[in-house]
Each structure stands twice: as structure tokens, then as C-alpha cells.
Amino acid sequence: ELIAELPKVMLAMADMIERANNVIDR
């Protein structure tokens, strides 16, 4: 089950990185 959740975690991390990048740009 944990292995099955890894892609979702990766997508969530990608979203967080994108939000952090937007904050850094601001």
C-alpha cells in the first residue's frame, strides 16, 4: 500500500516545490 502511494506523494511534492518556487519569485 505504501509503494502504491508513492506516485501521489511525488505529485504532492511537485506541487509543493512549485508553490515554494512561486514564493521565492515573489
mmCIF file of all heavy atoms, coordinates in Angstrom:
data_MODEL
# 
_entry.id   MODEL 
# 
loop_
_atom_site.group_PDB 
_atom_site.id 
_atom_site.type_symbol 
_atom_site.label_atom_id 
_atom_site.label_alt_id 
_atom_site.label_comp_id 
_atom_site.label_asym_id 
_atom_site.label_entity_id 
_atom_site.label_seq_id 
_atom_site.pdbx_PDB_ins_code 
_atom_site.Cartn_x 
_atom_site.Cartn_y 
_atom_site.Cartn_z 
_atom_site.occupancy 
_atom_site.B_iso_or_equiv 
_atom_site.pdbx_formal_charge 
_atom_site.auth_seq_id 
_atom_site.auth_comp_id 
_atom_site.auth_asym_id 
_atom_site.auth_atom_id 
_atom_site.pdbx_PDB_model_num 
ATOM 1   N N   . GLU A 1 1  ? 0.837  -1.208 0.000   1.00 0.00 ? 1  GLU A N   1 
ATOM 2   C CA  . GLU A 1 1  ? 0.000  0.000  0.000   1.00 0.00 ? 1  GLU A CA  1 
ATOM 3   C C   . GLU A 1 1  ? 0.870  1.256  0.000   1.00 0.00 ? 1  GLU A C   1 
ATOM 4   O O   . GLU A 1 1  ? 0.563  2.229  -0.688  1.00 0.00 ? 1  GLU A O   1 
ATOM 5   C CB  . GLU A 1 1  ? -0.925 -0.008 1.209   1.00 0.00 ? 1  GLU A CB  1 
ATOM 6   C CG  . GLU A 1 1  ? -2.055 -1.004 1.116   1.00 0.00 ? 1  GLU A CG  1 
ATOM 7   C CD  . GLU A 1 1  ? -2.923 -0.996 2.362   1.00 0.00 ? 1  GLU A CD  1 
ATOM 8   O OE1 . GLU A 1 1  ? -2.994 0.043  3.031   1.00 0.00 ? 1  GLU A OE1 1 
ATOM 9   O OE2 . GLU A 1 1  ? -3.533 -2.035 2.648   1.00 0.00 ? 1  GLU A OE2 1 
ATOM 10  N N   . LEU A 1 2  ? 1.956  1.226  0.781   1.00 0.00 ? 2  LEU A N   1 
ATOM 11  C CA  . LEU A 1 2  ? 2.859  2.384  0.795   1.00 0.00 ? 2  LEU A CA  1 
ATOM 12  C C   . LEU A 1 2  ? 3.498  2.606  -0.574  1.00 0.00 ? 2  LEU A C   1 
ATOM 13  O O   . LEU A 1 2  ? 3.615  3.734  -1.041  1.00 0.00 ? 2  LEU A O   1 
ATOM 14  C CB  . LEU A 1 2  ? 3.952  2.194  1.846   1.00 0.00 ? 2  LEU A CB  1 
ATOM 15  C CG  . LEU A 1 2  ? 3.530  2.391  3.298   1.00 0.00 ? 2  LEU A CG  1 
ATOM 16  C CD1 . LEU A 1 2  ? 4.671  2.023  4.237   1.00 0.00 ? 2  LEU A CD1 1 
ATOM 17  C CD2 . LEU A 1 2  ? 3.113  3.825  3.532   1.00 0.00 ? 2  LEU A CD2 1 
ATOM 18  N N   . ILE A 1 3  ? 3.905  1.518  -1.212  1.00 0.00 ? 3  ILE A N   1 
ATOM 19  C CA  . ILE A 1 3  ? 4.507  1.626  -2.548  1.00 0.00 ? 3  ILE A CA  1 
ATOM 20  C C   . ILE A 1 3  ? 3.485  2.207  -3.530  1.00 0.00 ? 3  ILE A C   1 
ATOM 21  O O   . ILE A 1 3  ? 3.821  3.027  -4.382  1.00 0.00 ? 3  ILE A O   1 
ATOM 22  C CB  . ILE A 1 3  ? 5.021  0.251  -3.019  1.00 0.00 ? 3  ILE A CB  1 
ATOM 23  C CG1 . ILE A 1 3  ? 6.212  -0.171 -2.170  1.00 0.00 ? 3  ILE A CG1 1 
ATOM 24  C CG2 . ILE A 1 3  ? 5.396  0.287  -4.493  1.00 0.00 ? 3  ILE A CG2 1 
ATOM 25  C CD1 . ILE A 1 3  ? 6.642  -1.604 -2.400  1.00 0.00 ? 3  ILE A CD1 1 
ATOM 26  N N   . ALA A 1 4  ? 2.251  1.806  -3.378  1.00 0.00 ? 4  ALA A N   1 
ATOM 27  C CA  . ALA A 1 4  ? 1.206  2.312  -4.268  1.00 0.00 ? 4  ALA A CA  1 
ATOM 28  C C   . ALA A 1 4  ? 0.968  3.806  -4.070  1.00 0.00 ? 4  ALA A C   1 
ATOM 29  O O   . ALA A 1 4  ? 0.533  4.502  -4.994  1.00 0.00 ? 4  ALA A O   1 
ATOM 30  C CB  . ALA A 1 4  ? -0.090 1.535  -4.047  1.00 0.00 ? 4  ALA A CB  1 
ATOM 31  N N   . GLU A 1 5  ? 1.238  4.326  -2.853  1.00 0.00 ? 5  GLU A N   1 
ATOM 32  C CA  . GLU A 1 5  ? 1.020  5.753  -2.563  1.00 0.00 ? 5  GLU A CA  1 
ATOM 33  C C   . GLU A 1 5  ? 2.174  6.636  -3.027  1.00 0.00 ? 5  GLU A C   1 
ATOM 34  O O   . GLU A 1 5  ? 2.032  7.853  -3.087  1.00 0.00 ? 5  GLU A O   1 
ATOM 35  C CB  . GLU A 1 5  ? 0.801  5.944  -1.058  1.00 0.00 ? 5  GLU A CB  1 
ATOM 36  C CG  . GLU A 1 5  ? -0.493 5.355  -0.531  1.00 0.00 ? 5  GLU A CG  1 
ATOM 37  C CD  . GLU A 1 5  ? -1.717 6.020  -1.121  1.00 0.00 ? 5  GLU A CD  1 
ATOM 38  O OE1 . GLU A 1 5  ? -1.735 7.253  -1.253  1.00 0.00 ? 5  GLU A OE1 1 
ATOM 39  O OE2 . GLU A 1 5  ? -2.666 5.294  -1.465  1.00 0.00 ? 5  GLU A OE2 1 
ATOM 40  N N   . LEU A 1 6  ? 3.330  6.082  -3.328  1.00 0.00 ? 6  LEU A N   1 
ATOM 41  C CA  . LEU A 1 6  ? 4.493  6.893  -3.697  1.00 0.00 ? 6  LEU A CA  1 
ATOM 42  C C   . LEU A 1 6  ? 4.247  7.842  -4.870  1.00 0.00 ? 6  LEU A C   1 
ATOM 43  O O   . LEU A 1 6  ? 4.665  9.005  -4.812  1.00 0.00 ? 6  LEU A O   1 
ATOM 44  C CB  . LEU A 1 6  ? 5.698  5.996  -3.972  1.00 0.00 ? 6  LEU A CB  1 
ATOM 45  C CG  . LEU A 1 6  ? 6.388  5.443  -2.728  1.00 0.00 ? 6  LEU A CG  1 
ATOM 46  C CD1 . LEU A 1 6  ? 7.512  4.498  -3.133  1.00 0.00 ? 6  LEU A CD1 1 
ATOM 47  C CD2 . LEU A 1 6  ? 6.915  6.553  -1.866  1.00 0.00 ? 6  LEU A CD2 1 
ATOM 48  N N   . PRO A 1 7  ? 3.595  7.435  -5.941  1.00 0.00 ? 7  PRO A N   1 
ATOM 49  C CA  . PRO A 1 7  ? 3.355  8.403  -7.031  1.00 0.00 ? 7  PRO A CA  1 
ATOM 50  C C   . PRO A 1 7  ? 2.525  9.602  -6.578  1.00 0.00 ? 7  PRO A C   1 
ATOM 51  O O   . PRO A 1 7  ? 2.802  10.734 -6.991  1.00 0.00 ? 7  PRO A O   1 
ATOM 52  C CB  . PRO A 1 7  ? 2.617  7.574  -8.081  1.00 0.00 ? 7  PRO A CB  1 
ATOM 53  C CG  . PRO A 1 7  ? 3.019  6.169  -7.818  1.00 0.00 ? 7  PRO A CG  1 
ATOM 54  C CD  . PRO A 1 7  ? 3.201  6.080  -6.344  1.00 0.00 ? 7  PRO A CD  1 
ATOM 55  N N   . LYS A 1 8  ? 1.542  9.373  -5.714  1.00 0.00 ? 8  LYS A N   1 
ATOM 56  C CA  . LYS A 1 8  ? 0.742  10.501 -5.217  1.00 0.00 ? 8  LYS A CA  1 
ATOM 57  C C   . LYS A 1 8  ? 1.602  11.436 -4.378  1.00 0.00 ? 8  LYS A C   1 
ATOM 58  O O   . LYS A 1 8  ? 1.470  12.661 -4.455  1.00 0.00 ? 8  LYS A O   1 
ATOM 59  C CB  . LYS A 1 8  ? -0.436 9.983  -4.390  1.00 0.00 ? 8  LYS A CB  1 
ATOM 60  C CG  . LYS A 1 8  ? -1.457 9.226  -5.196  1.00 0.00 ? 8  LYS A CG  1 
ATOM 61  C CD  . LYS A 1 8  ? -2.549 8.698  -4.307  1.00 0.00 ? 8  LYS A CD  1 
ATOM 62  C CE  . LYS A 1 8  ? -3.474 7.765  -5.075  1.00 0.00 ? 8  LYS A CE  1 
ATOM 63  N NZ  . LYS A 1 8  ? -4.434 7.103  -4.192  1.00 0.00 ? 8  LYS A NZ  1 
ATOM 64  N N   . VAL A 1 9  ? 2.495  10.845 -3.580  1.00 0.00 ? 9  VAL A N   1 
ATOM 65  C CA  . VAL A 1 9  ? 3.396  11.663 -2.764  1.00 0.00 ? 9  VAL A CA  1 
ATOM 66  C C   . VAL A 1 9  ? 4.324  12.469 -3.665  1.00 0.00 ? 9  VAL A C   1 
ATOM 67  O O   . VAL A 1 9  ? 4.581  13.660 -3.400  1.00 0.00 ? 9  VAL A O   1 
ATOM 68  C CB  . VAL A 1 9  ? 4.205  10.754 -1.799  1.00 0.00 ? 9  VAL A CB  1 
ATOM 69  C CG1 . VAL A 1 9  ? 5.297  11.539 -1.100  1.00 0.00 ? 9  VAL A CG1 1 
ATOM 70  C CG2 . VAL A 1 9  ? 3.288  10.105 -0.781  1.00 0.00 ? 9  VAL A CG2 1 
ATOM 71  N N   . MET A 1 10 ? 4.792  11.847 -4.736  1.00 0.00 ? 10 MET A N   1 
ATOM 72  C CA  . MET A 1 10 ? 5.662  12.572 -5.668  1.00 0.00 ? 10 MET A CA  1 
ATOM 73  C C   . MET A 1 10 ? 4.921  13.743 -6.318  1.00 0.00 ? 10 MET A C   1 
ATOM 74  O O   . MET A 1 10 ? 5.483  14.831 -6.470  1.00 0.00 ? 10 MET A O   1 
ATOM 75  C CB  . MET A 1 10 ? 6.196  11.618 -6.736  1.00 0.00 ? 10 MET A CB  1 
ATOM 76  C CG  . MET A 1 10 ? 7.221  10.637 -6.215  1.00 0.00 ? 10 MET A CG  1 
ATOM 77  S SD  . MET A 1 10 ? 7.723  9.404  -7.425  1.00 0.00 ? 10 MET A SD  1 
ATOM 78  C CE  . MET A 1 10 ? 8.475  10.395 -8.676  1.00 0.00 ? 10 MET A CE  1 
ATOM 79  N N   . LEU A 1 11 ? 3.669  13.535 -6.681  1.00 0.00 ? 11 LEU A N   1 
ATOM 80  C CA  . LEU A 1 11 ? 2.878  14.636 -7.256  1.00 0.00 ? 11 LEU A CA  1 
ATOM 81  C C   . LEU A 1 11 ? 2.670  15.748 -6.239  1.00 0.00 ? 11 LEU A C   1 
ATOM 82  O O   . LEU A 1 11 ? 2.765  16.938 -6.567  1.00 0.00 ? 11 LEU A O   1 
ATOM 83  C CB  . LEU A 1 11 ? 1.532  14.119 -7.755  1.00 0.00 ? 11 LEU A CB  1 
ATOM 84  C CG  . LEU A 1 11 ? 1.568  13.342 -9.067  1.00 0.00 ? 11 LEU A CG  1 
ATOM 85  C CD1 . LEU A 1 11 ? 0.205  12.751 -9.365  1.00 0.00 ? 11 LEU A CD1 1 
ATOM 86  C CD2 . LEU A 1 11 ? 2.002  14.260 -10.196 1.00 0.00 ? 11 LEU A CD2 1 
ATOM 87  N N   . ALA A 1 12 ? 2.386  15.360 -4.991  1.00 0.00 ? 12 ALA A N   1 
ATOM 88  C CA  . ALA A 1 12 ? 2.200  16.369 -3.944  1.00 0.00 ? 12 ALA A CA  1 
ATOM 89  C C   . ALA A 1 12 ? 3.494  17.157 -3.728  1.00 0.00 ? 12 ALA A C   1 
ATOM 90  O O   . ALA A 1 12 ? 3.466  18.383 -3.557  1.00 0.00 ? 12 ALA A O   1 
ATOM 91  C CB  . ALA A 1 12 ? 1.751  15.706 -2.645  1.00 0.00 ? 12 ALA A CB  1 
ATOM 92  N N   . MET A 1 13 ? 4.625  16.467 -3.753  1.00 0.00 ? 13 MET A N   1 
ATOM 93  C CA  . MET A 1 13 ? 5.901  17.155 -3.592  1.00 0.00 ? 13 MET A CA  1 
ATOM 94  C C   . MET A 1 13 ? 6.175  18.091 -4.763  1.00 0.00 ? 13 MET A C   1 
ATOM 95  O O   . MET A 1 13 ? 6.690  19.200 -4.571  1.00 0.00 ? 13 MET A O   1 
ATOM 96  C CB  . MET A 1 13 ? 7.036  16.129 -3.451  1.00 0.00 ? 13 MET A CB  1 
ATOM 97  C CG  . MET A 1 13 ? 7.048  15.449 -2.105  1.00 0.00 ? 13 MET A CG  1 
ATOM 98  S SD  . MET A 1 13 ? 8.343  14.201 -1.957  1.00 0.00 ? 13 MET A SD  1 
ATOM 99  C CE  . MET A 1 13 ? 9.806  15.166 -2.187  1.00 0.00 ? 13 MET A CE  1 
ATOM 100 N N   . ALA A 1 14 ? 5.818  17.675 -5.953  1.00 0.00 ? 14 ALA A N   1 
ATOM 101 C CA  . ALA A 1 14 ? 5.998  18.547 -7.115  1.00 0.00 ? 14 ALA A CA  1 
ATOM 102 C C   . ALA A 1 14 ? 5.163  19.810 -6.966  1.00 0.00 ? 14 ALA A C   1 
ATOM 103 O O   . ALA A 1 14 ? 5.635  20.915 -7.281  1.00 0.00 ? 14 ALA A O   1 
ATOM 104 C CB  . ALA A 1 14 ? 5.628  17.802 -8.392  1.00 0.00 ? 14 ALA A CB  1 
ATOM 105 N N   . ASP A 1 15 ? 3.942  19.676 -6.472  1.00 0.00 ? 15 ASP A N   1 
ATOM 106 C CA  . ASP A 1 15 ? 3.095  20.848 -6.242  1.00 0.00 ? 15 ASP A CA  1 
ATOM 107 C C   . ASP A 1 15 ? 3.701  21.757 -5.170  1.00 0.00 ? 15 ASP A C   1 
ATOM 108 O O   . ASP A 1 15 ? 3.695  22.981 -5.299  1.00 0.00 ? 15 ASP A O   1 
ATOM 109 C CB  . ASP A 1 15 ? 1.683  20.427 -5.832  1.00 0.00 ? 15 ASP A CB  1 
ATOM 110 C CG  . ASP A 1 15 ? 0.904  19.814 -6.985  1.00 0.00 ? 15 ASP A CG  1 
ATOM 111 O OD1 . ASP A 1 15 ? 1.282  20.051 -8.147  1.00 0.00 ? 15 ASP A OD1 1 
ATOM 112 O OD2 . ASP A 1 15 ? -0.081 19.095 -6.711  1.00 0.00 ? 15 ASP A OD2 1 
ATOM 113 N N   . MET A 1 16 ? 4.216  21.149 -4.108  1.00 0.00 ? 16 MET A N   1 
ATOM 114 C CA  . MET A 1 16 ? 4.831  21.956 -3.045  1.00 0.00 ? 16 MET A CA  1 
ATOM 115 C C   . MET A 1 16 ? 6.066  22.690 -3.554  1.00 0.00 ? 16 MET A C   1 
ATOM 116 O O   . MET A 1 16 ? 6.288  23.852 -3.223  1.00 0.00 ? 16 MET A O   1 
ATOM 117 C CB  . MET A 1 16 ? 5.198  21.072 -1.848  1.00 0.00 ? 16 MET A CB  1 
ATOM 118 C CG  . MET A 1 16 ? 4.004  20.615 -1.046  1.00 0.00 ? 16 MET A CG  1 
ATOM 119 S SD  . MET A 1 16 ? 4.431  19.803 0.493   1.00 0.00 ? 16 MET A SD  1 
ATOM 120 C CE  . MET A 1 16 ? 5.302  18.359 -0.067  1.00 0.00 ? 16 MET A CE  1 
ATOM 121 N N   . ILE A 1 17 ? 6.864  22.021 -4.386  1.00 0.00 ? 17 ILE A N   1 
ATOM 122 C CA  . ILE A 1 17 ? 8.044  22.671 -4.956  1.00 0.00 ? 17 ILE A CA  1 
ATOM 123 C C   . ILE A 1 17 ? 7.632  23.845 -5.836  1.00 0.00 ? 17 ILE A C   1 
ATOM 124 O O   . ILE A 1 17 ? 8.240  24.917 -5.801  1.00 0.00 ? 17 ILE A O   1 
ATOM 125 C CB  . ILE A 1 17 ? 8.893  21.654 -5.742  1.00 0.00 ? 17 ILE A CB  1 
ATOM 126 C CG1 . ILE A 1 17 ? 9.557  20.675 -4.787  1.00 0.00 ? 17 ILE A CG1 1 
ATOM 127 C CG2 . ILE A 1 17 ? 9.931  22.355 -6.604  1.00 0.00 ? 17 ILE A CG2 1 
ATOM 128 C CD1 . ILE A 1 17 ? 10.229 19.510 -5.477  1.00 0.00 ? 17 ILE A CD1 1 
ATOM 129 N N   . GLU A 1 18 ? 6.575  23.650 -6.595  1.00 0.00 ? 18 GLU A N   1 
ATOM 130 C CA  . GLU A 1 18 ? 6.098  24.731 -7.463  1.00 0.00 ? 18 GLU A CA  1 
ATOM 131 C C   . GLU A 1 18 ? 5.604  25.925 -6.636  1.00 0.00 ? 18 GLU A C   1 
ATOM 132 O O   . GLU A 1 18 ? 5.910  27.075 -6.947  1.00 0.00 ? 18 GLU A O   1 
ATOM 133 C CB  . GLU A 1 18 ? 4.987  24.206 -8.373  1.00 0.00 ? 18 GLU A CB  1 
ATOM 134 C CG  . GLU A 1 18 ? 4.607  25.168 -9.462  1.00 0.00 ? 18 GLU A CG  1 
ATOM 135 C CD  . GLU A 1 18 ? 3.647  24.561 -10.464 1.00 0.00 ? 18 GLU A CD  1 
ATOM 136 O OE1 . GLU A 1 18 ? 3.153  23.435 -10.236 1.00 0.00 ? 18 GLU A OE1 1 
ATOM 137 O OE2 . GLU A 1 18 ? 3.385  25.216 -11.464 1.00 0.00 ? 18 GLU A OE2 1 
ATOM 138 N N   . ARG A 1 19 ? 4.864  25.644 -5.562  1.00 0.00 ? 19 ARG A N   1 
ATOM 139 C CA  . ARG A 1 19 ? 4.408  26.740 -4.692  1.00 0.00 ? 19 ARG A CA  1 
ATOM 140 C C   . ARG A 1 19 ? 5.585  27.446 -4.033  1.00 0.00 ? 19 ARG A C   1 
ATOM 141 O O   . ARG A 1 19 ? 5.615  28.677 -3.942  1.00 0.00 ? 19 ARG A O   1 
ATOM 142 C CB  . ARG A 1 19 ? 3.445  26.207 -3.633  1.00 0.00 ? 19 ARG A CB  1 
ATOM 143 C CG  . ARG A 1 19 ? 2.069  25.879 -4.180  1.00 0.00 ? 19 ARG A CG  1 
ATOM 144 C CD  . ARG A 1 19 ? 1.041  25.745 -3.078  1.00 0.00 ? 19 ARG A CD  1 
ATOM 145 N NE  . ARG A 1 19 ? 1.398  24.753 -2.093  1.00 0.00 ? 19 ARG A NE  1 
ATOM 146 C CZ  . ARG A 1 19 ? 0.948  23.504 -2.049  1.00 0.00 ? 19 ARG A CZ  1 
ATOM 147 N NH1 . ARG A 1 19 ? 0.085  23.107 -2.953  1.00 0.00 ? 19 ARG A NH1 1 
ATOM 148 N NH2 . ARG A 1 19 ? 1.320  22.673 -1.107  1.00 0.00 ? 19 ARG A NH2 1 
ATOM 149 N N   . ALA A 1 20 ? 6.576  26.680 -3.578  1.00 0.00 ? 20 ALA A N   1 
ATOM 150 C CA  . ALA A 1 20 ? 7.761  27.283 -2.973  1.00 0.00 ? 20 ALA A CA  1 
ATOM 151 C C   . ALA A 1 20 ? 8.502  28.144 -3.996  1.00 0.00 ? 20 ALA A C   1 
ATOM 152 O O   . ALA A 1 20 ? 8.987  29.234 -3.662  1.00 0.00 ? 20 ALA A O   1 
ATOM 153 C CB  . ALA A 1 20 ? 8.683  26.203 -2.419  1.00 0.00 ? 20 ALA A CB  1 
ATOM 154 N N   . ASN A 1 21 ? 8.560  27.684 -5.226  1.00 0.00 ? 21 ASN A N   1 
ATOM 155 C CA  . ASN A 1 21 ? 9.206  28.459 -6.276  1.00 0.00 ? 21 ASN A CA  1 
ATOM 156 C C   . ASN A 1 21 ? 8.464  29.772 -6.516  1.00 0.00 ? 21 ASN A C   1 
ATOM 157 O O   . ASN A 1 21 ? 9.079  30.822 -6.710  1.00 0.00 ? 21 ASN A O   1 
ATOM 158 C CB  . ASN A 1 21 ? 9.275  27.635 -7.559  1.00 0.00 ? 21 ASN A CB  1 
ATOM 159 C CG  . ASN A 1 21 ? 10.097 28.313 -8.621  1.00 0.00 ? 21 ASN A CG  1 
ATOM 160 O OD1 . ASN A 1 21 ? 11.080 28.968 -8.338  1.00 0.00 ? 21 ASN A OD1 1 
ATOM 161 N ND2 . ASN A 1 21 ? 9.683  28.152 -9.863  1.00 0.00 ? 21 ASN A ND2 1 
ATOM 162 N N   . ASN A 1 22 ? 7.143  29.735 -6.478  1.00 0.00 ? 22 ASN A N   1 
ATOM 163 C CA  . ASN A 1 22 ? 6.357  30.964 -6.646  1.00 0.00 ? 22 ASN A CA  1 
ATOM 164 C C   . ASN A 1 22 ? 6.636  31.939 -5.507  1.00 0.00 ? 22 ASN A C   1 
ATOM 165 O O   . ASN A 1 22 ? 6.753  33.143 -5.728  1.00 0.00 ? 22 ASN A O   1 
ATOM 166 C CB  . ASN A 1 22 ? 4.866  30.644 -6.715  1.00 0.00 ? 22 ASN A CB  1 
ATOM 167 C CG  . ASN A 1 22 ? 4.485  29.951 -8.008  1.00 0.00 ? 22 ASN A CG  1 
ATOM 168 O OD1 . ASN A 1 22 ? 5.191  30.045 -9.000  1.00 0.00 ? 22 ASN A OD1 1 
ATOM 169 N ND2 . ASN A 1 22 ? 3.379  29.224 -7.996  1.00 0.00 ? 22 ASN A ND2 1 
ATOM 170 N N   . VAL A 1 23 ? 6.736  31.418 -4.294  1.00 0.00 ? 23 VAL A N   1 
ATOM 171 C CA  . VAL A 1 23 ? 7.035  32.283 -3.143  1.00 0.00 ? 23 VAL A CA  1 
ATOM 172 C C   . VAL A 1 23 ? 8.419  32.898 -3.292  1.00 0.00 ? 23 VAL A C   1 
ATOM 173 O O   . VAL A 1 23 ? 8.615  34.091 -3.044  1.00 0.00 ? 23 VAL A O   1 
ATOM 174 C CB  . VAL A 1 23 ? 6.921  31.482 -1.821  1.00 0.00 ? 23 VAL A CB  1 
ATOM 175 C CG1 . VAL A 1 23 ? 7.466  32.278 -0.656  1.00 0.00 ? 23 VAL A CG1 1 
ATOM 176 C CG2 . VAL A 1 23 ? 5.477  31.097 -1.561  1.00 0.00 ? 23 VAL A CG2 1 
ATOM 177 N N   . ILE A 1 24 ? 9.391  32.087 -3.713  1.00 0.00 ? 24 ILE A N   1 
ATOM 178 C CA  . ILE A 1 24 ? 10.746 32.605 -3.908  1.00 0.00 ? 24 ILE A CA  1 
ATOM 179 C C   . ILE A 1 24 ? 10.752 33.693 -4.977  1.00 0.00 ? 24 ILE A C   1 
ATOM 180 O O   . ILE A 1 24 ? 11.414 34.731 -4.814  1.00 0.00 ? 24 ILE A O   1 
ATOM 181 C CB  . ILE A 1 24 ? 11.706 31.453 -4.281  1.00 0.00 ? 24 ILE A CB  1 
ATOM 182 C CG1 . ILE A 1 24 ? 11.918 30.545 -3.074  1.00 0.00 ? 24 ILE A CG1 1 
ATOM 183 C CG2 . ILE A 1 24 ? 13.030 31.980 -4.795  1.00 0.00 ? 24 ILE A CG2 1 
ATOM 184 C CD1 . ILE A 1 24 ? 12.619 29.247 -3.389  1.00 0.00 ? 24 ILE A CD1 1 
ATOM 185 N N   . ASP A 1 25 ? 10.003 33.494 -6.055  1.00 0.00 ? 25 ASP A N   1 
ATOM 186 C CA  . ASP A 1 25 ? 9.908  34.523 -7.098  1.00 0.00 ? 25 ASP A CA  1 
ATOM 187 C C   . ASP A 1 25 ? 9.330  35.817 -6.538  1.00 0.00 ? 25 ASP A C   1 
ATOM 188 O O   . ASP A 1 25 ? 9.822  36.907 -6.835  1.00 0.00 ? 25 ASP A O   1 
ATOM 189 C CB  . ASP A 1 25 ? 9.054  34.036 -8.266  1.00 0.00 ? 25 ASP A CB  1 
ATOM 190 C CG  . ASP A 1 25 ? 9.760  32.986 -9.110  1.00 0.00 ? 25 ASP A CG  1 
ATOM 191 O OD1 . ASP A 1 25 ? 10.995 32.843 -8.971  1.00 0.00 ? 25 ASP A OD1 1 
ATOM 192 O OD2 . ASP A 1 25 ? 9.065  32.293 -9.883  1.00 0.00 ? 25 ASP A OD2 1 
ATOM 193 N N   . ARG A 1 26 ? 8.277  35.703 -5.722  1.00 0.00 ? 26 ARG A N   1 
ATOM 194 C CA  . ARG A 1 26 ? 7.678  36.905 -5.122  1.00 0.00 ? 26 ARG A CA  1 
ATOM 195 C C   . ARG A 1 26 ? 8.671  37.625 -4.219  1.00 0.00 ? 26 ARG A C   1 
ATOM 196 O O   . ARG A 1 26 ? 8.770  38.854 -4.243  1.00 0.00 ? 26 ARG A O   1 
ATOM 197 C CB  . ARG A 1 26 ? 6.427  36.539 -4.319  1.00 0.00 ? 26 ARG A CB  1 
ATOM 198 C CG  . ARG A 1 26 ? 5.193  36.528 -5.165  1.00 0.00 ? 26 ARG A CG  1 
ATOM 199 C CD  . ARG A 1 26 ? 3.951  36.396 -4.316  1.00 0.00 ? 26 ARG A CD  1 
ATOM 200 N NE  . ARG A 1 26 ? 3.371  35.113 -4.674  1.00 0.00 ? 26 ARG A NE  1 
ATOM 201 C CZ  . ARG A 1 26 ? 2.917  34.212 -3.842  1.00 0.00 ? 26 ARG A CZ  1 
ATOM 202 N NH1 . ARG A 1 26 ? 2.920  34.436 -2.566  1.00 0.00 ? 26 ARG A NH1 1 
ATOM 203 N NH2 . ARG A 1 26 ? 2.430  33.074 -4.263  1.00 0.00 ? 26 ARG A NH2 1 
# 
